[in-house]
Amino acid sequence: MLRVLAVDDEEPALGELLYLLRADPRVRTAEGAGDAAAALRRIGRALDSGPDGDDGIDVVFLDIHMPGLTGLDVARLLAGFARPPLVVFVTAHEGFALQAFDLQAVDYVLKPVRRERLAEAVRRVHGLVHAVPAPAPAPAPAAPEQIPVELGGVTRFVAVDDIAYVEAHGDYARLHTDHGSHLVRIPLSTLEERWADRGFVRIHRSHLVAVGRITELRVDGGATSVRLGATDLAVSRRHARHLRDLLTRRAGG
């Protein structure tokens, strides 16, 4: 059975969609979110949990026109992850269908939503989620990942590959790039786990760095530090040996 997240900023439309989804016997749970920010927080928990975890989500039913980030923006962000939930767009506008399917949407349902049409979308999702997997092809290169940041009421997207290091600020993290820094409401520990495969490594309880950006490793009187461009960062004793071994393997490979 499917675990569903429905996203719509219009409360009556969201309530009706959730009512229809919960009435479908193929749907185990259907949660609602009233805007893209709330949806991304919930999806973030699902991605951290993994598809088989307690907080997993199989499919997101997305409205397109919402304040701030649109449904298309949310789908673009999800496309950067290895195993994101499926996406079905639910909208009153026909003009975005081409963009929707470019983003690998499973279906595109027009409002007002009819029970029969929604059931067809659920059937398609159910078939994909429970399909017998084919032999795995050769792994494709990881898609470029972006992270949304708020700048004066405007949402911009920072490419993870542009980030040199990340600094902890309690439940927040500050992303440092060549062109400035951005504060996001994501704990450093979450980014450490999410970006381990993208070459980021913890060097201190307060810092996560892109290994490829390290230009110097210094050991002075037992204290270890690294240089990234013009920035020097201390390496804690706990992480120093692992970092030295990692840099040595990279240099030898």
Protein backbone atom coordinates (compact mmCIF):
# COMPACT_ATOMS: atom_id res chain seq x y z
CA MET A 1 0.00 0.00 0.00
CA LEU A 2 1.12 3.53 -0.79
CA ARG A 3 2.36 6.27 1.52
CA VAL A 4 1.25 9.59 0.04
CA LEU A 5 2.01 13.28 0.60
CA ALA A 6 -0.44 15.77 -0.96
CA VAL A 7 0.65 19.40 -1.36
CA ASP A 8 -1.71 22.30 -2.09
CA ASP A 9 -1.88 25.83 -0.67
CA GLU A 10 -5.70 25.96 -1.05
CA GLU A 11 -7.15 24.26 2.03
CA PRO A 12 -10.46 23.13 0.46
CA ALA A 13 -8.65 21.60 -2.52
CA LEU A 14 -6.15 19.86 -0.21
CA GLY A 15 -8.95 18.51 1.98
CA GLU A 16 -10.84 17.11 -1.00
CA LEU A 17 -7.70 15.51 -2.44
CA LEU A 18 -6.84 13.89 0.89
CA TYR A 19 -10.42 12.62 1.25
CA LEU A 20 -10.28 10.93 -2.16
CA LEU A 21 -6.81 9.50 -1.58
CA ARG A 22 -7.71 8.04 1.82
CA ALA A 23 -10.76 6.38 0.30
CA ASP A 24 -8.58 4.46 -2.17
CA PRO A 25 -7.79 0.95 -0.84
CA ARG A 26 -4.28 1.11 -2.34
CA VAL A 27 -3.34 4.08 -0.12
CA ARG A 28 -2.04 3.24 3.35
CA THR A 29 -1.46 6.83 4.57
CA ALA A 30 -2.11 10.26 3.06
CA GLU A 31 -0.59 13.35 4.68
CA GLY A 32 -1.12 16.96 3.67
CA ALA A 33 1.14 20.02 3.37
CA GLY A 34 -0.11 23.55 2.74
CA ASP A 35 2.98 24.93 0.99
CA ALA A 36 6.25 23.89 -0.62
CA ALA A 37 8.35 24.66 2.46
CA ALA A 38 6.30 22.31 4.66
CA ALA A 39 6.39 19.70 1.90
CA LEU A 40 10.19 19.89 1.60
CA ARG A 41 10.59 19.47 5.36
CA ARG A 42 8.42 16.35 5.27
CA ILE A 43 10.17 15.01 2.16
CA GLY A 44 13.53 15.65 3.83
CA ARG A 45 12.53 13.37 6.70
CA ALA A 46 11.42 10.77 4.18
CA LEU A 47 14.73 10.93 2.30
CA ASP A 48 16.68 10.66 5.54
CA SER A 49 14.54 7.68 6.59
CA GLY A 50 14.95 5.93 3.22
CA PRO A 51 12.19 4.34 1.12
CA ASP A 52 11.80 1.47 3.60
CA GLY A 53 11.96 3.62 6.73
CA ASP A 54 9.13 4.62 9.05
CA ASP A 55 8.97 8.14 7.54
CA GLY A 56 9.19 7.00 3.91
CA ILE A 57 6.96 8.49 1.18
CA ASP A 58 6.16 6.66 -2.06
CA VAL A 59 4.54 9.50 -4.01
CA VAL A 60 3.93 13.25 -3.79
CA PHE A 61 0.75 14.72 -5.32
CA LEU A 62 1.85 18.30 -6.12
CA ASP A 63 -0.08 21.44 -6.95
CA ILE A 64 1.89 23.67 -9.34
CA HIS A 65 0.91 27.25 -8.44
CA MET A 66 1.89 27.92 -4.81
CA PRO A 67 3.46 30.89 -2.98
CA GLY A 68 7.26 30.78 -2.94
CA LEU A 69 8.45 27.56 -4.53
CA THR A 70 6.13 26.08 -7.15
CA GLY A 71 5.39 22.40 -7.56
CA LEU A 72 7.77 22.35 -10.51
CA ASP A 73 10.55 23.75 -8.30
CA VAL A 74 9.94 20.99 -5.74
CA ALA A 75 10.05 18.33 -8.45
CA ARG A 76 13.36 19.72 -9.77
CA LEU A 77 14.85 19.47 -6.29
CA LEU A 78 13.65 15.90 -5.86
CA ALA A 79 15.23 14.94 -9.19
CA GLY A 80 18.67 15.53 -7.64
CA PHE A 81 18.29 12.65 -5.17
CA ALA A 82 19.12 9.02 -5.85
CA ARG A 83 15.77 7.53 -4.73
CA PRO A 84 13.16 10.30 -4.48
CA PRO A 85 9.41 9.66 -4.17
CA LEU A 86 7.37 9.58 -7.36
CA VAL A 87 5.56 12.77 -8.42
CA VAL A 88 2.02 13.32 -9.68
CA PHE A 89 1.00 16.90 -10.52
CA VAL A 90 -2.52 18.03 -9.62
CA THR A 91 -3.30 21.43 -11.13
CA ALA A 92 -5.96 23.61 -12.70
CA HIS A 93 -3.58 24.60 -15.53
CA GLU A 94 -2.96 22.55 -18.66
CA GLY A 95 0.05 24.55 -19.86
CA PHE A 96 2.69 22.90 -17.70
CA ALA A 97 2.25 19.30 -18.83
CA LEU A 98 5.40 19.28 -21.00
CA GLN A 99 7.55 20.60 -18.15
CA ALA A 100 5.95 18.10 -15.78
CA PHE A 101 6.83 15.09 -17.89
CA ASP A 102 10.32 16.46 -18.54
CA LEU A 103 10.65 16.12 -14.75
CA GLN A 104 9.61 12.43 -14.95
CA ALA A 105 6.16 12.96 -13.44
CA VAL A 106 4.08 9.79 -13.32
CA ASP A 107 0.84 11.61 -14.14
CA TYR A 108 -0.76 15.05 -14.60
CA VAL A 109 -4.24 15.37 -13.11
CA LEU A 110 -6.39 18.41 -13.84
CA LYS A 111 -8.66 20.11 -11.30
CA PRO A 112 -11.43 19.75 -10.40
CA VAL A 113 -10.22 16.29 -9.51
CA ARG A 114 -12.57 13.45 -10.46
CA ARG A 115 -12.52 10.31 -8.36
CA GLU A 116 -12.07 8.06 -11.42
CA ARG A 117 -9.18 10.13 -12.79
CA LEU A 118 -7.39 10.20 -9.45
CA ALA A 119 -7.86 6.44 -9.11
CA GLU A 120 -6.10 6.00 -12.47
CA ALA A 121 -3.14 8.07 -11.23
CA VAL A 122 -2.97 5.98 -8.05
CA ARG A 123 -3.08 2.81 -10.17
CA ARG A 124 -0.08 3.99 -12.20
CA VAL A 125 1.90 4.88 -9.09
CA HIS A 126 1.00 1.56 -7.42
CA GLY A 127 2.18 -0.35 -10.49
CA LEU A 128 5.54 1.44 -10.47
CA VAL A 129 6.14 1.14 -6.73
CA HIS A 130 5.34 -2.58 -6.67
CA ALA A 131 6.77 -3.56 -10.04
CA VAL A 132 9.21 -6.48 -10.14
CA PRO A 133 12.61 -4.81 -10.56
CA ALA A 134 14.53 -5.42 -13.77
CA PRO A 135 18.26 -6.22 -13.65
CA ALA A 136 20.07 -3.06 -12.55
CA PRO A 137 21.84 -1.14 -15.34
CA ALA A 138 25.29 0.31 -14.89
CA PRO A 139 25.12 3.16 -12.37
CA ALA A 140 24.66 6.58 -13.92
CA PRO A 141 26.62 9.61 -12.74
CA ALA A 142 24.96 11.37 -9.82
CA ALA A 143 22.68 14.17 -10.97
CA PRO A 144 23.74 17.68 -9.93
CA GLU A 145 22.13 18.43 -6.60
CA GLN A 146 20.90 21.86 -5.58
CA ILE A 147 19.79 23.22 -2.24
CA PRO A 148 17.25 26.06 -1.87
CA VAL A 149 18.28 29.15 0.12
CA GLU A 150 16.23 32.20 1.07
CA LEU A 151 17.66 35.63 0.21
CA GLY A 152 15.44 38.58 1.11
CA GLY A 153 12.23 36.70 0.34
CA VAL A 154 13.62 35.22 -2.89
CA THR A 155 14.42 31.51 -3.15
CA ARG A 156 17.62 30.71 -5.00
CA PHE A 157 19.29 27.38 -5.68
CA VAL A 158 22.91 26.71 -4.76
CA ALA A 159 24.66 23.80 -6.47
CA VAL A 160 26.25 21.43 -3.97
CA ASP A 161 29.33 21.27 -6.20
CA ASP A 162 29.84 25.03 -5.59
CA ILE A 163 30.05 24.61 -1.80
CA ALA A 164 33.58 24.59 -0.33
CA TYR A 165 32.64 23.96 3.31
CA VAL A 166 29.72 24.05 5.72
CA GLU A 167 29.71 25.60 9.18
CA ALA A 168 27.39 24.48 12.00
CA HIS A 169 25.02 27.02 13.59
CA GLY A 170 22.92 24.97 16.00
CA ASP A 171 20.00 23.53 14.04
CA TYR A 172 21.14 25.61 11.04
CA ALA A 173 24.15 25.36 8.73
CA ARG A 174 26.01 28.06 6.81
CA LEU A 175 27.04 27.07 3.28
CA HIS A 176 30.26 28.73 2.12
CA THR A 177 30.86 29.12 -1.63
CA ASP A 178 33.34 31.14 -3.67
CA HIS A 179 30.76 33.92 -3.95
CA GLY A 180 29.39 34.19 -0.41
CA SER A 181 27.58 32.23 2.27
CA HIS A 182 23.99 31.15 2.88
CA LEU A 183 22.22 30.05 6.07
CA VAL A 184 19.86 27.06 5.75
CA ARG A 185 17.74 25.32 8.38
CA ILE A 186 19.41 21.92 8.12
CA PRO A 187 21.64 20.40 10.87
CA LEU A 188 25.26 19.74 9.92
CA SER A 189 24.84 16.05 10.81
CA THR A 190 22.08 15.71 8.19
CA LEU A 191 24.25 17.25 5.47
CA GLU A 192 27.18 15.05 6.51
CA GLU A 193 25.12 11.91 5.92
CA ARG A 194 23.40 13.18 2.77
CA TRP A 195 26.60 14.41 1.07
CA ALA A 196 29.07 11.68 2.06
CA ASP A 197 28.96 10.27 -1.48
CA ARG A 198 29.61 13.73 -2.91
CA GLY A 199 33.05 14.07 -1.33
CA PHE A 200 32.20 15.93 1.89
CA VAL A 201 33.91 14.89 5.12
CA ARG A 202 33.61 16.05 8.74
CA ILE A 203 36.82 17.61 10.05
CA HIS A 204 35.45 19.16 13.23
CA ARG A 205 32.18 19.23 15.16
CA SER A 206 31.61 22.63 13.52
CA HIS A 207 32.82 22.02 9.96
CA LEU A 208 32.10 19.79 6.97
CA VAL A 209 34.40 20.29 3.96
CA ALA A 210 34.51 19.29 0.31
CA VAL A 211 37.65 17.16 0.14
CA GLY A 212 38.33 18.24 -3.44
CA ARG A 213 38.59 21.86 -2.28
CA ILE A 214 41.43 21.18 0.21
CA THR A 215 44.68 22.70 -1.10
CA GLU A 216 46.88 22.19 1.97
CA LEU A 217 47.06 19.96 5.03
CA ARG A 218 49.18 21.36 7.86
CA VAL A 219 50.44 19.74 11.06
CA ASP A 220 52.03 22.14 13.53
CA GLY A 221 52.91 21.10 17.07
CA GLY A 222 50.31 18.36 17.05
CA ALA A 223 47.58 20.66 15.72
CA THR A 224 46.13 19.86 12.29
CA SER A 225 44.48 22.31 9.91
CA VAL A 226 43.47 22.50 6.26
CA ARG A 227 43.42 25.33 3.77
CA LEU A 228 40.61 25.80 1.26
CA GLY A 229 41.59 28.70 -0.97
CA ALA A 230 42.22 31.59 1.43
CA THR A 231 40.43 29.93 4.37
CA ASP A 232 42.14 27.96 7.14
CA LEU A 233 40.07 25.53 9.22
CA ALA A 234 41.11 23.54 12.28
CA VAL A 235 40.86 19.74 12.20
CA SER A 236 39.93 18.10 15.50
CA ARG A 237 42.07 15.27 16.89
CA ARG A 238 39.08 12.95 16.48
CA HIS A 239 38.97 13.50 12.70
CA ALA A 240 42.65 14.21 11.88
CA ARG A 241 43.81 10.65 11.20
CA HIS A 242 40.82 9.77 9.02
CA LEU A 243 41.32 12.95 6.99
CA ARG A 244 45.07 12.31 6.51
CA ASP A 245 44.37 8.74 5.38
CA LEU A 246 41.66 9.95 3.00
CA LEU A 247 43.89 12.60 1.43
CA THR A 248 46.74 10.11 1.12
CA ARG A 249 44.52 7.61 -0.70
CA ARG A 250 43.26 10.32 -3.03
CA ALA A 251 46.80 11.44 -3.85
CA GLY A 252 47.91 7.86 -4.47
CA GLY A 253 44.84 7.01 -6.59
